[in-house]
Amino acid sequence: MSQNEKHAAESQLEVLMMHIIKILIQPLKKTRSWLISMKNARKKIKDIQESKPSINRNFFEKIWNIVFRRAKKRAEEETGEKCDLETLDWKDVFDKNWDEENPDEGKPKK
């Protein structure tokens, strides 16, 4: 597997996680732009996986925690708010339809 494809998949995962974290931190500020970025990241990840089957769930699980920490830091920087999440669920990242989410649901308790 080429480093470029690994880096691209990792980068898309980070973008996807960052936007999910931003929604969880500031659900009332969720924007169409965030949702579009999330859909694009999911599509790019799927495209990479189709061309390189070795970029699979196992690959993502190996990099999950490192990428989550980077995404969390970016989300905190962009929102100006601290996030107490320790990780994200696979289903939230790859399966959940955040478009239909009630803005008040999922907000971390302070």
Foldseek 3Di string as FASTA:
>chain_A
DDPVLLVLLLVLLLLLLLLLQLLQAQLVPNDPVSLVSLVVSLVSNVVSCVVPVVCDPVSCVVCQQVSNVVSQVVNCVVVVDHDPDNGDDPCSRHPDNCVPDDSVPNHDDD
